[in-house]
Each structure stands twice: as C-alpha cells, then as structure tokens.
N, C-alpha and C. Protein backbone atom coordinates (compact mmCIF):
# COMPACT_ATOMS: atom_id res chain seq x y z
N UNK A 1 40.20 15.49 -29.45
CA UNK A 1 38.91 15.10 -29.06
C UNK A 1 38.67 13.89 -29.40
N UNK A 2 37.87 13.49 -28.43
CA UNK A 2 37.40 11.65 -28.49
C UNK A 2 36.16 11.40 -29.44
N UNK A 3 36.27 10.02 -29.94
CA UNK A 3 35.27 9.79 -30.97
C UNK A 3 33.98 10.03 -30.47
N UNK A 4 33.51 9.78 -29.00
CA UNK A 4 32.35 9.84 -28.44
C UNK A 4 31.69 11.35 -28.40
N UNK A 5 32.71 12.37 -28.58
CA UNK A 5 32.44 13.87 -28.65
C UNK A 5 32.03 14.36 -29.75
N UNK A 6 32.05 13.53 -30.70
CA UNK A 6 31.72 13.82 -31.86
C UNK A 6 30.27 13.14 -32.66
N UNK A 7 29.82 12.43 -31.45
CA UNK A 7 28.36 11.81 -31.64
C UNK A 7 27.37 12.46 -31.07
N UNK A 8 26.47 12.66 -31.79
CA UNK A 8 25.08 13.48 -31.46
C UNK A 8 24.57 12.79 -30.27
N UNK A 9 24.27 13.21 -28.87
CA UNK A 9 23.65 12.56 -27.97
C UNK A 9 22.08 12.49 -28.43
N UNK A 10 21.63 13.67 -28.99
CA UNK A 10 20.26 13.60 -29.21
C UNK A 10 19.94 12.53 -30.39
N UNK A 11 20.79 12.47 -31.44
CA UNK A 11 20.72 11.56 -32.52
C UNK A 11 20.92 10.08 -32.32
N UNK A 12 21.72 10.00 -31.20
CA UNK A 12 22.33 8.77 -30.87
C UNK A 12 20.95 7.38 -30.90
N UNK A 13 20.14 8.00 -30.26
CA UNK A 13 18.80 7.10 -30.60
C UNK A 13 17.76 7.61 -31.63
N UNK A 14 17.49 6.84 -32.55
CA UNK A 14 16.66 7.23 -33.73
C UNK A 14 15.48 7.55 -32.79
N UNK A 15 14.84 8.82 -33.60
CA UNK A 15 13.65 9.27 -33.49
C UNK A 15 12.38 8.45 -33.58
N UNK A 16 11.43 8.45 -33.13
CA UNK A 16 10.03 7.64 -33.47
C UNK A 16 9.64 7.87 -35.06
N UNK A 17 8.87 6.80 -35.52
CA UNK A 17 8.24 7.49 -36.60
C UNK A 17 7.12 8.51 -36.32
N UNK A 18 6.56 9.26 -37.17
CA UNK A 18 5.82 10.05 -37.13
C UNK A 18 4.42 9.57 -36.19
N UNK A 19 4.12 8.32 -36.84
CA UNK A 19 2.86 7.64 -36.49
C UNK A 19 3.16 7.34 -34.75
N UNK A 20 4.28 6.76 -34.56
CA UNK A 20 4.58 6.59 -33.14
C UNK A 20 4.78 7.86 -32.17
N UNK A 21 5.28 8.72 -32.76
CA UNK A 21 5.28 10.05 -31.98
C UNK A 21 3.70 10.73 -31.66
N UNK A 22 3.14 10.89 -32.82
CA UNK A 22 1.83 11.21 -32.84
C UNK A 22 0.95 10.37 -31.66
N UNK A 23 0.97 9.24 -31.68
CA UNK A 23 0.40 8.47 -30.38
C UNK A 23 1.10 8.72 -29.16
N UNK A 24 2.20 8.85 -29.03
CA UNK A 24 2.92 9.20 -27.88
C UNK A 24 2.50 10.37 -27.41
N UNK A 25 2.50 11.42 -27.98
CA UNK A 25 2.11 12.83 -27.53
C UNK A 25 0.34 12.87 -27.53
N UNK A 26 -0.12 12.42 -28.15
CA UNK A 26 -1.39 12.22 -28.02
C UNK A 26 -2.07 11.64 -26.57
N UNK A 27 -1.23 10.64 -26.16
CA UNK A 27 -1.47 10.00 -25.10
C UNK A 27 -1.03 10.89 -23.69
N UNK A 28 -0.11 11.47 -24.08
CA UNK A 28 0.32 12.46 -22.83
C UNK A 28 -0.68 13.53 -22.67
N UNK A 29 -1.35 13.99 -23.61
CA UNK A 29 -2.34 15.14 -23.11
C UNK A 29 -3.63 14.32 -22.71
N UNK A 30 -3.85 12.98 -22.95
CA UNK A 30 -4.90 12.50 -21.56
C UNK A 30 -4.65 12.31 -20.38
N UNK A 31 -3.43 12.92 -20.01
CA UNK A 31 -2.81 12.49 -18.70
C UNK A 31 -2.62 14.06 -17.84
N UNK A 32 -2.18 14.93 -19.01
CA UNK A 32 -1.58 16.19 -18.60
C UNK A 32 -2.22 17.54 -19.30
N UNK A 33 -1.94 18.51 -18.67
CA UNK A 33 -2.56 20.08 -19.27
C UNK A 33 -1.50 20.92 -18.77
N UNK A 34 -1.81 22.15 -19.12
CA UNK A 34 -0.70 23.33 -18.65
C UNK A 34 -1.59 24.21 -18.23
N UNK A 35 -0.70 25.10 -17.52
CA UNK A 35 -1.24 26.53 -16.84
C UNK A 35 -2.10 27.42 -17.65
N UNK A 36 -1.58 27.68 -19.10
CA UNK A 36 -2.15 28.41 -20.00
C UNK A 36 -3.36 27.93 -20.59
N UNK A 37 -3.90 26.68 -20.44
CA UNK A 37 -5.28 25.88 -20.87
C UNK A 37 -6.01 26.09 -19.80
N UNK A 38 -5.61 25.78 -18.36
CA UNK A 38 -6.43 26.05 -17.29
C UNK A 38 -6.96 27.45 -17.36
N UNK A 39 -5.62 28.57 -17.24
CA UNK A 39 -6.06 29.63 -17.26
C UNK A 39 -7.20 30.18 -18.13
N UNK A 40 -7.05 29.76 -19.34
CA UNK A 40 -8.17 30.39 -20.58
C UNK A 40 -9.25 29.70 -20.09
N UNK A 41 -9.34 28.37 -19.74
CA UNK A 41 -10.88 27.74 -19.33
C UNK A 41 -11.30 28.52 -18.27
N UNK A 42 -10.61 29.01 -17.10
CA UNK A 42 -11.45 29.61 -15.91
C UNK A 42 -11.46 30.97 -16.43
N UNK A 43 -10.69 31.66 -17.19
CA UNK A 43 -11.11 32.87 -17.53
C UNK A 43 -12.46 33.00 -18.51
N UNK A 44 -12.62 32.12 -19.31
CA UNK A 44 -13.93 31.99 -20.29
C UNK A 44 -15.20 31.45 -19.38
N UNK A 45 -14.95 30.66 -18.04
CA UNK A 45 -15.91 30.13 -17.37
C UNK A 45 -16.43 29.12 -18.14
N UNK A 46 -15.26 28.07 -18.60
CA UNK A 46 -15.73 26.88 -19.38
C UNK A 46 -14.84 25.62 -18.92
N UNK A 47 -14.49 25.59 -17.76
CA UNK A 47 -13.69 24.57 -17.22
C UNK A 47 -14.76 23.52 -16.78
N UNK A 48 -14.86 22.24 -17.37
CA UNK A 48 -15.44 21.08 -17.04
C UNK A 48 -14.87 20.13 -16.52
N UNK A 49 -14.17 20.92 -15.26
CA UNK A 49 -13.38 20.27 -14.14
C UNK A 49 -13.04 20.53 -13.14
N UNK A 50 -12.85 20.46 -12.08
CA UNK A 50 -12.26 20.77 -10.89
C UNK A 50 -10.85 20.85 -10.40
N UNK A 51 -10.36 22.01 -10.21
CA UNK A 51 -9.06 22.43 -10.04
C UNK A 51 -8.61 21.92 -8.40
N UNK A 52 -7.71 21.23 -8.50
CA UNK A 52 -7.38 20.81 -6.93
C UNK A 52 -5.95 21.02 -6.56
N UNK A 53 -5.96 21.58 -5.71
CA UNK A 53 -4.43 22.01 -4.79
C UNK A 53 -3.85 20.94 -4.00
N UNK A 54 -2.73 20.16 -4.42
CA UNK A 54 -2.96 19.11 -3.52
C UNK A 54 -1.51 19.30 -2.44
N UNK A 55 -0.92 20.58 -2.36
CA UNK A 55 -0.04 21.24 -1.69
C UNK A 55 -0.64 21.12 -0.30
N UNK A 56 0.24 21.35 1.00
CA UNK A 56 -0.60 21.49 2.32
C UNK A 56 -1.16 22.79 2.24
N UNK A 57 -2.20 22.77 3.45
CA UNK A 57 -3.06 23.84 3.77
C UNK A 57 -2.44 25.19 3.73
N UNK A 58 -1.25 25.19 4.63
CA UNK A 58 -0.38 26.57 4.49
C UNK A 58 -0.34 27.05 3.30
N UNK A 59 0.35 26.45 2.46
CA UNK A 59 0.66 26.75 1.00
C UNK A 59 -0.60 27.45 0.42
N UNK A 60 -1.64 26.49 0.53
CA UNK A 60 -2.73 26.84 -0.10
C UNK A 60 -3.26 28.36 0.29
N UNK A 61 -3.41 28.39 1.48
CA UNK A 61 -3.90 29.62 1.99
C UNK A 61 -3.14 30.82 1.77
N UNK A 62 -1.69 30.64 1.53
CA UNK A 62 -0.80 31.87 0.91
C UNK A 62 -1.28 31.97 -0.53
N UNK A 63 -1.53 31.14 -1.17
CA UNK A 63 -1.88 31.64 -2.66
C UNK A 63 -1.99 30.16 -3.31
N UNK A 64 -3.00 30.40 -4.13
CA UNK A 64 -3.61 29.03 -5.21
C UNK A 64 -4.29 29.80 -6.44
N UNK A 65 -4.63 28.60 -7.03
CA UNK A 65 -5.38 29.26 -8.42
C UNK A 65 -6.46 29.52 -7.96
N UNK A 66 -7.35 30.56 -8.55
CA UNK A 66 -8.65 30.78 -7.99
C UNK A 66 -9.81 29.85 -8.27
N UNK A 67 -10.43 29.76 -7.23
CA UNK A 67 -11.61 28.60 -7.24
C UNK A 67 -10.88 27.02 -6.95
N UNK A 68 -9.51 27.01 -6.71
CA UNK A 68 -9.36 25.71 -6.51
C UNK A 68 -9.71 25.10 -5.40
N UNK A 69 -9.79 23.91 -5.15
CA UNK A 69 -10.03 23.39 -3.98
C UNK A 69 -8.72 22.66 -3.20
N UNK A 70 -8.65 22.51 -1.83
CA UNK A 70 -7.46 22.30 -1.02
C UNK A 70 -7.77 20.86 -0.78
N UNK A 71 -6.94 20.14 -1.21
CA UNK A 71 -6.71 18.41 -0.79
C UNK A 71 -5.56 18.02 -0.79
N UNK A 72 -4.87 18.49 0.53
CA UNK A 72 -3.59 17.78 0.49
C UNK A 72 -2.94 16.43 0.27
N UNK A 73 -2.26 16.31 -0.60
CA UNK A 73 -1.99 15.07 -0.91
C UNK A 73 -3.04 14.23 -1.87
N UNK A 74 -4.16 14.97 -1.91
CA UNK A 74 -5.31 14.52 -2.67
C UNK A 74 -6.54 13.72 -1.85
N UNK A 75 -5.92 13.91 -0.35
CA UNK A 75 -6.94 13.26 0.37
C UNK A 75 -7.64 14.53 1.40
N UNK A 76 -8.77 13.76 2.04
CA UNK A 76 -9.32 14.87 3.03
C UNK A 76 -10.19 15.87 2.50
N UNK A 77 -10.81 15.74 1.34
CA UNK A 77 -11.52 16.69 0.75
C UNK A 77 -12.46 15.90 0.10
N UNK A 78 -13.90 16.47 0.26
CA UNK A 78 -14.80 15.72 -0.50
C UNK A 78 -15.00 16.48 -1.93
N UNK A 79 -14.13 15.76 -2.91
CA UNK A 79 -14.03 16.25 -4.11
C UNK A 79 -15.19 15.86 -4.98
N UNK A 80 -15.61 16.96 -5.74
CA UNK A 80 -16.93 16.44 -6.58
C UNK A 80 -16.60 15.57 -7.76
N UNK A 81 -17.56 14.80 -8.44
CA UNK A 81 -17.47 13.88 -9.26
C UNK A 81 -17.08 14.71 -10.46
N UNK A 82 -16.31 14.03 -11.52
CA UNK A 82 -16.03 14.43 -12.81
C UNK A 82 -14.56 14.60 -12.70
N UNK A 83 -13.98 15.25 -13.88
CA UNK A 83 -12.61 15.39 -13.99
C UNK A 83 -11.86 16.32 -12.93
N UNK A 84 -10.89 16.08 -12.42
CA UNK A 84 -9.97 16.62 -11.44
C UNK A 84 -8.89 17.13 -12.15
N UNK A 85 -8.24 18.41 -12.18
CA UNK A 85 -6.89 18.74 -12.59
C UNK A 85 -6.17 19.09 -11.17
N UNK A 86 -5.08 18.38 -11.22
CA UNK A 86 -4.34 18.42 -9.81
C UNK A 86 -2.94 19.09 -9.99
N UNK A 87 -2.57 19.98 -9.00
CA UNK A 87 -1.42 20.74 -9.25
C UNK A 87 -0.62 20.57 -7.94
N UNK A 88 0.62 20.46 -7.84
CA UNK A 88 1.47 20.63 -6.68
C UNK A 88 2.15 22.19 -6.55
N UNK A 89 3.51 22.11 -6.22
CA UNK A 89 4.25 23.18 -6.40
C UNK A 89 4.84 23.46 -7.51
N UNK A 90 5.60 22.58 -8.35
CA UNK A 90 6.14 22.73 -9.38
C UNK A 90 6.52 21.49 -10.26
N UNK A 91 7.63 22.18 -11.21
CA UNK A 91 8.27 20.55 -12.09
C UNK A 91 9.11 19.93 -11.18
N UNK A 92 9.81 20.33 -10.04
CA UNK A 92 10.37 19.43 -8.96
C UNK A 92 9.59 18.75 -8.31
N UNK A 93 8.18 18.89 -8.26
CA UNK A 93 7.17 18.36 -7.10
C UNK A 93 6.51 17.10 -7.65
N UNK A 94 6.37 15.95 -7.22
CA UNK A 94 5.62 14.85 -8.05
C UNK A 94 4.48 14.36 -6.88
N UNK A 95 4.01 15.69 -6.13
CA UNK A 95 3.05 15.58 -5.15
C UNK A 95 1.55 15.35 -6.20
N UNK A 96 1.32 15.98 -7.14
CA UNK A 96 0.25 15.90 -8.15
C UNK A 96 0.09 14.41 -8.58
N UNK A 97 1.47 13.85 -9.13
CA UNK A 97 1.35 12.60 -9.53
C UNK A 97 0.93 11.56 -8.57
N UNK A 98 1.78 11.83 -7.17
CA UNK A 98 1.14 10.73 -6.41
C UNK A 98 -0.40 10.80 -5.79
N UNK A 99 -0.90 12.17 -5.88
CA UNK A 99 -2.35 12.24 -5.84
C UNK A 99 -2.98 11.60 -7.08
N UNK A 100 -2.79 11.78 -7.83
CA UNK A 100 -3.28 11.20 -9.23
C UNK A 100 -3.26 9.60 -9.16
N UNK A 101 -2.21 9.02 -8.95
CA UNK A 101 -2.00 7.61 -8.49
C UNK A 101 -3.11 7.22 -7.86
N UNK A 102 -3.42 7.68 -6.56
CA UNK A 102 -4.05 7.65 -5.28
C UNK A 102 -5.58 7.83 -6.02
N UNK A 103 -5.90 8.92 -6.72
CA UNK A 103 -7.20 8.89 -6.89
C UNK A 103 -7.65 8.18 -7.89
N UNK A 104 -6.89 7.82 -9.13
CA UNK A 104 -7.47 7.13 -10.08
C UNK A 104 -7.38 5.65 -9.54
N UNK A 105 -6.88 5.03 -8.82
CA UNK A 105 -6.98 4.10 -8.05
C UNK A 105 -8.55 3.76 -7.32
N UNK A 106 -8.88 5.09 -6.99
CA UNK A 106 -10.21 5.09 -6.47
C UNK A 106 -11.55 5.32 -7.62
N UNK A 107 -10.68 5.26 -8.77
CA UNK A 107 -11.75 5.39 -10.10
C UNK A 107 -12.01 6.76 -10.32
N UNK A 108 -11.33 7.60 -9.89
CA UNK A 108 -11.38 8.93 -10.81
C UNK A 108 -10.62 9.42 -11.76
N UNK A 109 -11.23 10.47 -12.52
CA UNK A 109 -10.51 10.76 -13.58
C UNK A 109 -9.75 12.24 -13.42
N UNK A 110 -8.34 12.14 -13.76
CA UNK A 110 -7.62 13.00 -13.41
C UNK A 110 -6.66 13.54 -14.47
N UNK A 111 -6.27 14.74 -14.31
CA UNK A 111 -5.03 15.28 -15.17
C UNK A 111 -4.06 15.99 -14.18
N UNK A 112 -2.91 15.76 -14.56
CA UNK A 112 -2.03 16.82 -13.84
C UNK A 112 -1.60 18.23 -14.64
N UNK A 113 -1.72 19.56 -13.92
CA UNK A 113 -1.30 20.42 -14.30
C UNK A 113 0.22 20.49 -14.59
N UNK A 114 0.99 20.62 -15.82
CA UNK A 114 2.40 20.96 -15.74
C UNK A 114 2.97 22.29 -15.59
N UNK A 115 4.00 22.28 -14.57
CA UNK A 115 4.40 23.35 -13.99
C UNK A 115 3.88 23.62 -12.41
N UNK A 116 2.70 23.24 -12.26
CA UNK A 116 2.35 23.54 -11.15
C UNK A 116 2.05 24.99 -10.84
N UNK A 117 1.85 25.42 -9.59
CA UNK A 117 1.71 26.66 -8.98
C UNK A 117 2.80 27.65 -9.48
N UNK A 118 4.13 27.13 -9.28
CA UNK A 118 5.22 27.69 -9.43
C UNK A 118 5.17 28.32 -10.95
N UNK A 119 4.69 27.82 -11.90
CA UNK A 119 4.63 28.09 -13.47
C UNK A 119 3.28 28.98 -13.39
N UNK A 120 2.16 28.56 -12.88
CA UNK A 120 1.12 29.33 -12.84
C UNK A 120 1.47 30.74 -12.22
N UNK A 121 2.32 31.03 -11.34
CA UNK A 121 2.62 32.30 -10.76
C UNK A 121 3.74 33.12 -11.89
N UNK A 122 4.70 32.24 -12.34
CA UNK A 122 5.56 32.77 -13.40
C UNK A 122 5.28 33.27 -14.42
N UNK A 123 3.71 32.46 -15.00
CA UNK A 123 3.35 33.02 -15.93
C UNK A 123 2.28 34.27 -15.97
N UNK A 124 2.21 34.87 -14.61
CA UNK A 124 1.31 35.93 -14.44
C UNK A 124 -0.32 35.48 -14.34
N UNK A 125 -0.37 34.37 -14.16
CA UNK A 125 -2.06 34.11 -13.93
C UNK A 125 -2.53 34.52 -12.63
N UNK A 126 -3.74 34.72 -12.53
CA UNK A 126 -4.35 35.44 -11.14
C UNK A 126 -4.22 34.42 -10.07
N UNK A 127 -4.09 34.85 -9.08
CA UNK A 127 -3.73 34.06 -7.81
C UNK A 127 -4.81 34.61 -6.76
N UNK A 128 -5.47 33.73 -5.80
CA UNK A 128 -6.17 33.99 -4.62
C UNK A 128 -5.25 33.68 -3.37
N UNK A 129 -5.53 34.20 -2.38
CA UNK A 129 -4.84 33.86 -0.89
C UNK A 129 -4.17 34.96 -0.43
N UNK A 130 -3.83 34.88 0.78
CA UNK A 130 -3.04 35.90 1.49
C UNK A 130 -1.87 36.52 0.83
N UNK A 131 -1.11 35.57 0.43
CA UNK A 131 0.07 36.38 -0.51
C UNK A 131 0.06 36.62 -1.76
N UNK A 132 -1.37 36.70 -2.17
CA UNK A 132 -1.71 36.95 -3.67
C UNK A 132 -0.80 38.31 -4.28
N UNK A 133 -0.77 39.40 -3.63
CA UNK A 133 0.03 40.45 -4.22
C UNK A 133 1.49 40.07 -4.33
N UNK A 134 2.35 39.47 -3.38
CA UNK A 134 3.54 39.39 -3.33
C UNK A 134 3.82 38.16 -4.46
N UNK A 135 2.76 37.53 -4.55
CA UNK A 135 3.14 36.11 -5.46
C UNK A 135 2.97 36.83 -7.04
N UNK A 136 1.70 37.71 -7.00
CA UNK A 136 1.91 38.28 -8.27
C UNK A 136 3.32 39.32 -8.74
N UNK A 137 3.90 39.57 -7.65
CA UNK A 137 5.16 40.23 -8.28
C UNK A 137 6.35 39.35 -8.86
N UNK A 138 6.23 38.11 -8.56
CA UNK A 138 6.99 36.64 -8.94
C UNK A 138 6.85 36.69 -10.54
N UNK A 139 5.83 37.08 -11.44
CA UNK A 139 5.40 36.91 -12.68
C UNK A 139 6.70 37.07 -13.39
N UNK A 140 7.06 36.27 -14.54
CA UNK A 140 8.19 36.44 -15.25
C UNK A 140 7.75 36.93 -16.44
N UNK A 141 8.16 38.17 -16.72
CA UNK A 141 7.53 38.88 -17.82
C UNK A 141 7.96 38.57 -19.54
N UNK A 142 8.91 37.47 -19.43
CA UNK A 142 9.15 36.64 -20.68
C UNK A 142 8.04 35.61 -21.00
N UNK A 143 7.40 35.23 -19.87
CA UNK A 143 6.64 34.06 -19.90
C UNK A 143 5.17 34.56 -20.03
N UNK A 144 5.04 35.86 -19.82
CA UNK A 144 3.63 36.59 -19.60
C UNK A 144 3.03 37.11 -21.00
N UNK A 145 2.01 36.77 -21.36
CA UNK A 145 1.47 37.19 -22.66
C UNK A 145 1.04 36.18 -23.41
C-alpha cells in the first residue's frame, strides 16, 4: 500500500472554522433553494416569488412545477417584478445558472432551485403538463415524504 493511500482525501485540506463555514453556507442560501422548500411554499400559498422554468418550451409543455412560468433560457417572457426562482432539468444542467447570470445582469433578484425538475419529480412533488401522469410514476419512494 502506498503512503498516499493512507492519507484521508477528505481531511487533506483542513476544514473551515465554524465561523467561516457559517458564512459560506449562509451565503449559499442567498443564491439557492431546494425543491422541498419551494413545494412547501406553493402548497401553503406563501410563495413571495415567481417560479420560472428555463427549459425549452416542449419540455415545459410535457411537465413543469405547478404555476411556473416558461422562459427558455430566462428569455422571451414578461417576468413579473420581484424574486424569481429558476430551475432547469437537473443537477447536470447549468441552464438555471446561465439564466440567473443573464437576469441578475439586468438587475433582477434570483435564486436557483437545486435539483431542478428532475428532483422535483423524483421527490414526488405535483406536476402540471401533458405528461404529468407519466412523470408522477417516476417518483423515488425513498425521497418522498
């Protein structure tokens, strides 16, 4: 066994101090939210923001977060004033980040929804659209609840 195999890759770089970590994680919350928090707000009718689907219009038509506006790439829609919560397909897609960069350059306030529509569906959240029933069958029971 080589010497490098016995060194922890996780501990190789010292962790941040609790104060530094708190600042980092608190800052991330200013930029990101998640599917469960958005779903809760929508369910309770207390969403002081507009949910925006930045995927292509054909994907939006197939299925989207209930009440979400379609704005492919963050363009071409008359988005209301106030905070926008953007999502794309999933963790492997940076479309929401690209749209967020574009919209914040225009002076808009945005957050991105971690996991995107993929995790919205996997968590068993409600879906609107032509393929809503088929999408609902993709919920992962281990993530639901």
